[in-house]
Amino acid sequence: MTKPEKNIELEKVILKGRKFSLAELTGKEGGSFLKGESPVPKIVKLKIEIKLFVSNNLKDLSYSLHYKPF
C-alpha cells in the first residue's frame, strides 16, 4: 500500500463515525483551494496600492486628486 493510499484509509477510519458537516467539508476543501493565493482580487489590491502611493507621495492642496468612489 502506497503512502497516499494509507492516508486515504486513515482518513476513512477517522471520518467513519462522524456526522457529515457541510462546514467541515467547506473548511477542508477551501483550505486547499486558496493555498498560496490571496482571497483579494488582484485588481482590488492594485487600486489600493495606487491610492496609497498617491496619498503618501503627492501633496494635493486643492483636493483635485481626492478619492471619489465610482
N, C-alpha and C. Protein backbone atom coordinates (compact mmCIF):
# COMPACT_ATOMS: atom_id res chain seq x y z
N MET A 1 0.85 -1.17 0.00
CA MET A 1 0.00 0.00 0.00
C MET A 1 0.90 1.24 0.00
N THR A 2 0.64 2.18 -0.91
CA THR A 2 1.46 3.39 -1.00
C THR A 2 1.04 4.41 0.05
N LYS A 3 1.85 5.42 0.21
CA LYS A 3 1.57 6.43 1.23
C LYS A 3 0.24 7.15 1.01
N PRO A 4 -0.09 7.60 -0.23
CA PRO A 4 -1.40 8.23 -0.43
C PRO A 4 -2.56 7.29 -0.11
N GLU A 5 -2.41 6.00 -0.44
CA GLU A 5 -3.47 5.04 -0.12
C GLU A 5 -3.63 4.89 1.39
N LYS A 6 -2.50 4.89 2.12
CA LYS A 6 -2.56 4.80 3.59
C LYS A 6 -3.25 6.03 4.16
N ASN A 7 -2.96 7.20 3.60
CA ASN A 7 -3.61 8.43 4.08
C ASN A 7 -5.11 8.39 3.84
N ILE A 8 -5.52 7.87 2.70
CA ILE A 8 -6.95 7.78 2.38
C ILE A 8 -7.63 6.81 3.34
N GLU A 9 -6.99 5.67 3.59
CA GLU A 9 -7.56 4.68 4.52
C GLU A 9 -7.66 5.26 5.93
N LEU A 10 -6.64 5.96 6.37
CA LEU A 10 -6.64 6.57 7.70
C LEU A 10 -7.76 7.61 7.80
N GLU A 11 -7.92 8.40 6.77
CA GLU A 11 -8.98 9.41 6.76
C GLU A 11 -10.35 8.74 6.84
N LYS A 12 -10.53 7.64 6.12
CA LYS A 12 -11.81 6.91 6.16
C LYS A 12 -12.10 6.40 7.57
N VAL A 13 -11.10 5.88 8.24
CA VAL A 13 -11.27 5.36 9.59
C VAL A 13 -11.64 6.50 10.55
N ILE A 14 -10.96 7.64 10.40
CA ILE A 14 -11.23 8.78 11.29
C ILE A 14 -12.64 9.31 11.07
N LEU A 15 -13.06 9.41 9.82
CA LEU A 15 -14.36 10.00 9.49
C LEU A 15 -15.53 9.03 9.60
N LYS A 16 -15.25 7.75 9.80
CA LYS A 16 -16.29 6.71 9.77
C LYS A 16 -17.43 6.99 10.75
N GLY A 17 -17.13 7.36 11.96
CA GLY A 17 -18.18 7.55 12.96
C GLY A 17 -18.69 8.98 13.06
N ARG A 18 -18.20 9.86 12.22
CA ARG A 18 -18.58 11.26 12.32
C ARG A 18 -19.81 11.56 11.46
N LYS A 19 -20.58 12.53 11.92
CA LYS A 19 -21.74 13.00 11.19
C LYS A 19 -21.26 13.98 10.11
N PHE A 20 -21.87 13.91 8.91
CA PHE A 20 -21.49 14.79 7.82
C PHE A 20 -21.78 16.24 8.19
N SER A 21 -20.81 17.13 7.92
CA SER A 21 -20.98 18.54 8.19
C SER A 21 -20.52 19.33 6.96
N LEU A 22 -21.40 20.16 6.45
CA LEU A 22 -21.06 20.99 5.31
C LEU A 22 -19.95 21.97 5.67
N ALA A 23 -19.96 22.47 6.89
CA ALA A 23 -18.92 23.40 7.34
C ALA A 23 -17.55 22.72 7.34
N GLU A 24 -17.50 21.48 7.80
CA GLU A 24 -16.24 20.74 7.83
C GLU A 24 -15.73 20.47 6.41
N LEU A 25 -16.64 20.10 5.52
CA LEU A 25 -16.28 19.85 4.13
C LEU A 25 -15.76 21.13 3.47
N THR A 26 -16.44 22.24 3.70
CA THR A 26 -16.03 23.52 3.13
C THR A 26 -14.66 23.92 3.66
N GLY A 27 -14.43 23.73 4.94
CA GLY A 27 -13.13 24.05 5.52
C GLY A 27 -12.02 23.20 4.95
N LYS A 28 -12.31 21.92 4.78
CA LYS A 28 -11.30 21.01 4.24
C LYS A 28 -10.95 21.35 2.80
N GLU A 29 -11.96 21.53 1.97
CA GLU A 29 -11.74 21.82 0.55
C GLU A 29 -11.28 23.25 0.34
N GLY A 30 -11.80 24.18 1.12
CA GLY A 30 -11.43 25.58 0.98
C GLY A 30 -9.98 25.83 1.34
N GLY A 31 -9.45 25.03 2.26
CA GLY A 31 -8.06 25.19 2.66
C GLY A 31 -7.10 24.93 1.51
N SER A 32 -7.39 23.93 0.71
CA SER A 32 -6.52 23.63 -0.42
C SER A 32 -6.83 24.53 -1.62
N PHE A 33 -8.06 25.01 -1.70
CA PHE A 33 -8.45 25.85 -2.82
C PHE A 33 -7.71 27.19 -2.81
N LEU A 34 -7.53 27.77 -1.63
CA LEU A 34 -6.89 29.08 -1.53
C LEU A 34 -5.41 28.99 -1.20
N LYS A 35 -4.86 27.81 -1.21
CA LYS A 35 -3.47 27.64 -0.83
C LYS A 35 -2.55 28.42 -1.78
N GLY A 36 -1.82 29.36 -1.21
CA GLY A 36 -0.88 30.15 -2.00
C GLY A 36 -1.50 31.32 -2.72
N GLU A 37 -2.78 31.49 -2.63
CA GLU A 37 -3.47 32.58 -3.32
C GLU A 37 -4.10 33.52 -2.30
N SER A 38 -4.24 34.75 -2.70
CA SER A 38 -4.91 35.74 -1.86
C SER A 38 -6.40 35.74 -2.19
N PRO A 39 -7.26 35.84 -1.16
CA PRO A 39 -8.69 35.91 -1.44
C PRO A 39 -9.11 37.27 -2.01
N VAL A 40 -8.20 38.25 -1.98
CA VAL A 40 -8.48 39.59 -2.51
C VAL A 40 -8.07 39.60 -3.99
N PRO A 41 -8.98 39.97 -4.88
CA PRO A 41 -8.65 40.01 -6.30
C PRO A 41 -7.48 40.96 -6.59
N LYS A 42 -6.69 40.64 -7.60
CA LYS A 42 -5.51 41.44 -7.93
C LYS A 42 -5.87 42.88 -8.29
N ILE A 43 -7.00 43.09 -8.95
CA ILE A 43 -7.38 44.44 -9.35
C ILE A 43 -7.70 45.30 -8.12
N VAL A 44 -8.29 44.70 -7.09
CA VAL A 44 -8.59 45.43 -5.86
C VAL A 44 -7.29 45.80 -5.16
N LYS A 45 -6.35 44.84 -5.09
CA LYS A 45 -5.05 45.14 -4.47
C LYS A 45 -4.33 46.25 -5.22
N LEU A 46 -4.40 46.22 -6.55
CA LEU A 46 -3.75 47.23 -7.37
C LEU A 46 -4.34 48.61 -7.11
N LYS A 47 -5.67 48.72 -7.05
CA LYS A 47 -6.32 50.01 -6.78
C LYS A 47 -5.91 50.55 -5.41
N ILE A 48 -5.83 49.69 -4.43
CA ILE A 48 -5.44 50.12 -3.08
C ILE A 48 -4.00 50.60 -3.08
N GLU A 49 -3.12 49.87 -3.75
CA GLU A 49 -1.71 50.27 -3.81
C GLU A 49 -1.54 51.62 -4.50
N ILE A 50 -2.26 51.85 -5.59
CA ILE A 50 -2.17 53.14 -6.29
C ILE A 50 -2.68 54.27 -5.41
N LYS A 51 -3.80 54.04 -4.75
CA LYS A 51 -4.36 55.06 -3.86
C LYS A 51 -3.38 55.39 -2.73
N LEU A 52 -2.79 54.37 -2.12
CA LEU A 52 -1.82 54.60 -1.05
C LEU A 52 -0.58 55.34 -1.55
N PHE A 53 -0.10 54.97 -2.73
CA PHE A 53 1.06 55.64 -3.30
C PHE A 53 0.78 57.12 -3.53
N VAL A 54 -0.36 57.41 -4.14
CA VAL A 54 -0.72 58.80 -4.42
C VAL A 54 -0.88 59.58 -3.12
N SER A 55 -1.59 59.01 -2.17
CA SER A 55 -1.82 59.74 -0.91
C SER A 55 -0.54 59.92 -0.09
N ASN A 56 0.42 59.02 -0.22
CA ASN A 56 1.67 59.13 0.53
C ASN A 56 2.74 59.96 -0.16
N ASN A 57 2.62 60.15 -1.48
CA ASN A 57 3.69 60.80 -2.22
C ASN A 57 3.33 62.10 -2.91
N LEU A 58 2.07 62.48 -2.95
CA LEU A 58 1.67 63.72 -3.59
C LEU A 58 0.96 64.62 -2.59
N LYS A 59 1.28 65.89 -2.65
CA LYS A 59 0.57 66.86 -1.83
C LYS A 59 -0.51 67.46 -2.71
N ASP A 60 -1.75 67.30 -2.33
CA ASP A 60 -2.89 67.76 -3.11
C ASP A 60 -3.65 68.81 -2.30
N LEU A 61 -3.17 70.04 -2.37
CA LEU A 61 -3.75 71.11 -1.56
C LEU A 61 -5.16 71.49 -2.00
N SER A 62 -5.47 71.30 -3.28
CA SER A 62 -6.80 71.67 -3.78
C SER A 62 -7.78 70.49 -3.75
N TYR A 63 -7.32 69.34 -3.33
CA TYR A 63 -8.13 68.11 -3.26
C TYR A 63 -8.64 67.67 -4.63
N SER A 64 -7.94 68.03 -5.68
CA SER A 64 -8.36 67.62 -7.02
C SER A 64 -8.14 66.13 -7.24
N LEU A 65 -7.23 65.52 -6.47
CA LEU A 65 -6.97 64.09 -6.59
C LEU A 65 -7.69 63.29 -5.50
N HIS A 66 -8.56 63.94 -4.77
CA HIS A 66 -9.28 63.29 -3.68
C HIS A 66 -10.05 62.08 -4.19
N TYR A 67 -9.97 60.99 -3.46
CA TYR A 67 -10.61 59.74 -3.87
C TYR A 67 -12.12 59.88 -3.83
N LYS A 68 -12.75 59.53 -4.96
CA LYS A 68 -14.21 59.52 -5.03
C LYS A 68 -14.63 58.16 -5.57
N PRO A 69 -15.47 57.43 -4.84
CA PRO A 69 -15.90 56.12 -5.35
C PRO A 69 -16.71 56.26 -6.62
N PHE A 70 -16.65 55.26 -7.47
CA PHE A 70 -17.36 55.29 -8.75
C PHE A 70 -18.83 55.11 -8.56
